[in-house]
Protein backbone atom coordinates (compact mmCIF):
# COMPACT_ATOMS: atom_id res chain seq x y z
CA MET A 1 -29.31 10.10 -48.81
CA ALA A 2 -27.85 7.49 -46.43
CA SER A 3 -30.56 8.11 -43.84
CA ALA A 4 -33.26 7.35 -46.44
CA ARG A 5 -31.71 3.91 -47.08
CA CYS A 6 -31.71 3.05 -43.37
CA ARG A 7 -35.39 3.86 -43.08
CA ASP A 8 -36.22 1.66 -46.09
CA ASP A 9 -34.53 -1.39 -44.45
CA ARG A 10 -36.45 -1.18 -41.19
CA GLY A 11 -38.48 -4.31 -40.46
CA SER A 12 -36.89 -6.38 -43.22
CA ALA A 13 -35.11 -8.68 -40.72
CA ALA A 14 -38.38 -9.40 -38.94
CA LEU A 15 -40.08 -10.11 -42.26
CA GLU A 16 -37.26 -12.50 -43.24
CA VAL A 17 -37.64 -14.37 -39.95
CA VAL A 18 -41.40 -14.63 -40.43
CA ILE A 19 -40.93 -16.07 -43.91
CA ILE A 20 -37.98 -18.39 -43.18
CA THR A 21 -39.17 -19.90 -39.84
CA PRO A 22 -42.02 -22.03 -41.28
CA ILE A 23 -39.75 -23.22 -44.08
CA VAL A 24 -37.06 -24.30 -41.60
CA PHE A 25 -39.60 -26.10 -39.40
CA GLY A 26 -41.10 -27.82 -42.46
CA LEU A 27 -37.67 -29.01 -43.61
CA LEU A 28 -36.83 -30.22 -40.11
CA SER A 29 -40.11 -32.15 -39.90
CA PHE A 30 -39.45 -33.71 -43.30
CA VAL A 31 -35.94 -34.79 -42.23
CA LEU A 32 -37.38 -36.36 -39.06
CA PHE A 33 -40.09 -38.13 -41.09
CA ALA A 34 -37.55 -39.45 -43.60
CA GLY A 35 -35.22 -40.60 -40.81
CA ARG A 36 -38.01 -42.41 -38.98
CA THR A 37 -39.19 -44.07 -42.19
CA ILE A 38 -35.69 -45.23 -43.17
CA SER A 39 -34.92 -46.47 -39.66
CA SER A 40 -38.23 -48.33 -39.43
CA ARG A 41 -37.71 -49.90 -42.86
CA GLN A 42 -34.27 -51.19 -41.84
CA ARG A 43 -35.65 -52.65 -38.60
CA VAL A 44 -38.52 -54.40 -40.40
CA GLU A 45 -36.16 -55.82 -43.03
CA GLN A 46 -33.86 -57.12 -40.29
CA ALA A 47 -36.81 -58.65 -38.42
CA SER A 48 -37.90 -60.36 -41.64
CA ARG A 49 -34.41 -61.82 -42.19
CA ASP A 50 -34.23 -62.97 -38.57
CA ALA A 51 -37.68 -64.57 -38.78
CA ALA A 52 -36.88 -66.46 -41.99
CA ARG A 53 -33.60 -67.70 -40.53
CA ALA A 54 -35.29 -68.84 -37.30
CA ALA A 55 -37.96 -70.69 -39.30
CA SER A 56 -35.36 -72.44 -41.45
CA LEU A 57 -33.68 -73.91 -38.37
CA GLU A 58 -36.80 -75.63 -37.04
CA PRO A 59 -37.52 -79.33 -37.68
CA THR A 60 -41.26 -79.01 -38.41
CA ALA A 61 -43.44 -76.55 -40.27
CA GLY A 62 -45.53 -75.76 -37.18
CA ARG A 63 -42.49 -74.97 -35.10
CA ALA A 64 -41.08 -72.91 -37.98
CA ILE A 65 -44.14 -70.64 -37.99
CA ALA A 66 -43.99 -70.22 -34.20
CA ALA A 67 -40.24 -69.50 -34.24
CA ALA A 68 -40.54 -66.94 -37.05
CA THR A 69 -43.41 -65.12 -35.35
CA GLN A 70 -41.65 -65.05 -31.98
CA THR A 71 -38.35 -63.90 -33.50
CA ALA A 72 -39.93 -61.04 -35.48
CA THR A 73 -41.94 -59.93 -32.45
CA GLN A 74 -38.88 -59.92 -30.20
CA SER A 75 -36.79 -58.17 -32.84
CA LEU A 76 -39.24 -55.27 -33.07
CA ALA A 77 -40.36 -55.18 -29.42
CA ASP A 78 -37.71 -52.82 -28.06
CA GLN A 79 -37.71 -50.42 -31.00
CA THR A 80 -38.88 -46.83 -30.85
CA PRO A 81 -41.36 -45.99 -32.20
CA ALA A 82 -43.05 -49.29 -31.55
CA CYS A 83 -45.15 -51.06 -34.16
CA ALA A 84 -48.76 -50.09 -33.71
CA ASN A 85 -49.72 -53.19 -35.69
CA LEU A 86 -47.33 -56.09 -36.32
CA ASP A 87 -48.18 -58.88 -38.75
CA VAL A 88 -45.93 -61.87 -39.49
CA LYS A 89 -46.79 -64.34 -42.26
CA VAL A 90 -44.64 -67.40 -42.87
CA ASP A 91 -44.73 -69.29 -46.18
CA ILE A 92 -43.99 -72.97 -45.54
CA THR A 93 -45.31 -74.38 -48.85
CA ARG A 94 -41.78 -75.50 -49.79
CA PHE A 95 -40.72 -76.51 -46.26
CA GLY A 96 -38.32 -79.42 -46.02
CA PRO A 97 -34.68 -80.27 -46.78
CA GLY A 98 -33.52 -78.18 -49.72
CA GLY A 99 -36.73 -76.16 -49.67
CA VAL A 100 -37.32 -72.53 -48.89
CA VAL A 101 -39.15 -70.79 -46.09
CA SER A 102 -40.05 -67.11 -46.31
CA ALA A 103 -41.27 -64.53 -43.82
CA ASP A 104 -43.33 -61.43 -44.53
CA VAL A 105 -43.20 -58.86 -41.74
CA SER A 106 -45.52 -55.85 -41.78
CA CYS A 107 -45.26 -53.06 -39.21
CA THR A 108 -47.43 -49.96 -38.88
CA VAL A 109 -45.45 -47.00 -37.55
CA THR A 110 -47.10 -43.87 -36.20
CA VAL A 111 -45.78 -40.59 -37.59
CA SER A 112 -48.56 -38.29 -36.40
CA ASP A 113 -46.31 -36.91 -33.65
CA LEU A 114 -44.18 -35.22 -36.32
CA SER A 115 -45.96 -31.92 -36.75
CA GLY A 116 -45.48 -29.44 -39.52
CA LEU A 117 -46.16 -31.71 -42.48
CA PRO A 118 -49.44 -32.90 -43.93
CA LEU A 119 -48.60 -36.58 -43.39
CA PRO A 120 -50.76 -39.62 -42.84
CA ALA A 121 -51.00 -40.63 -39.18
CA ASP A 122 -49.62 -44.13 -39.83
CA ARG A 123 -47.19 -45.65 -42.28
CA THR A 124 -47.12 -49.40 -42.98
CA ILE A 125 -43.74 -50.90 -43.83
CA THR A 126 -43.46 -54.44 -45.21
CA ALA A 127 -40.45 -56.66 -45.88
CA ARG A 128 -40.07 -60.20 -47.22
CA SER A 129 -37.11 -62.51 -46.73
CA ALA A 130 -36.49 -66.08 -47.79
CA GLN A 131 -34.09 -68.65 -46.40
CA VAL A 132 -32.98 -71.94 -47.92
CA ILE A 133 -33.42 -74.88 -45.58
CA ASP A 134 -30.27 -76.89 -44.98
CA THR A 135 -30.32 -80.29 -46.69
CA HIS A 136 -28.01 -81.84 -44.11
CA THR A 137 -30.17 -81.17 -41.08
CA ASP A 138 -32.11 -84.14 -39.73
CA ARG A 139 -35.84 -83.47 -39.82
CA PRO A 140 -38.69 -85.76 -38.86
């Protein structure tokens, strides 16, 4: 009777491996995708905060836009994966002492290199930050 049980179990380990392997690879790909998305979101949010802060320190609206764009670009330049498309928009409608300047940073991150999941090739992440302009700073 014991020998009949051994023959019934033959090949079950191979079948288990065949069934479990794609599931494990799919879960691993999903974890990598989620990690990349979360990391990219944090970097874009930080770049947006840095850009708004840099804009708030400038004396003129034109220089504020240039400073915000440069700061966001530098903040995201050394990151991996790099932004395939970076867009920085600065709202200076309330620029001036006691006003507010805001920065919208949008970054397109490529996720097509993560195989195993039916994912879009690119993911666009956007963040907005606002900064109050100091009332005690001399501005022309």
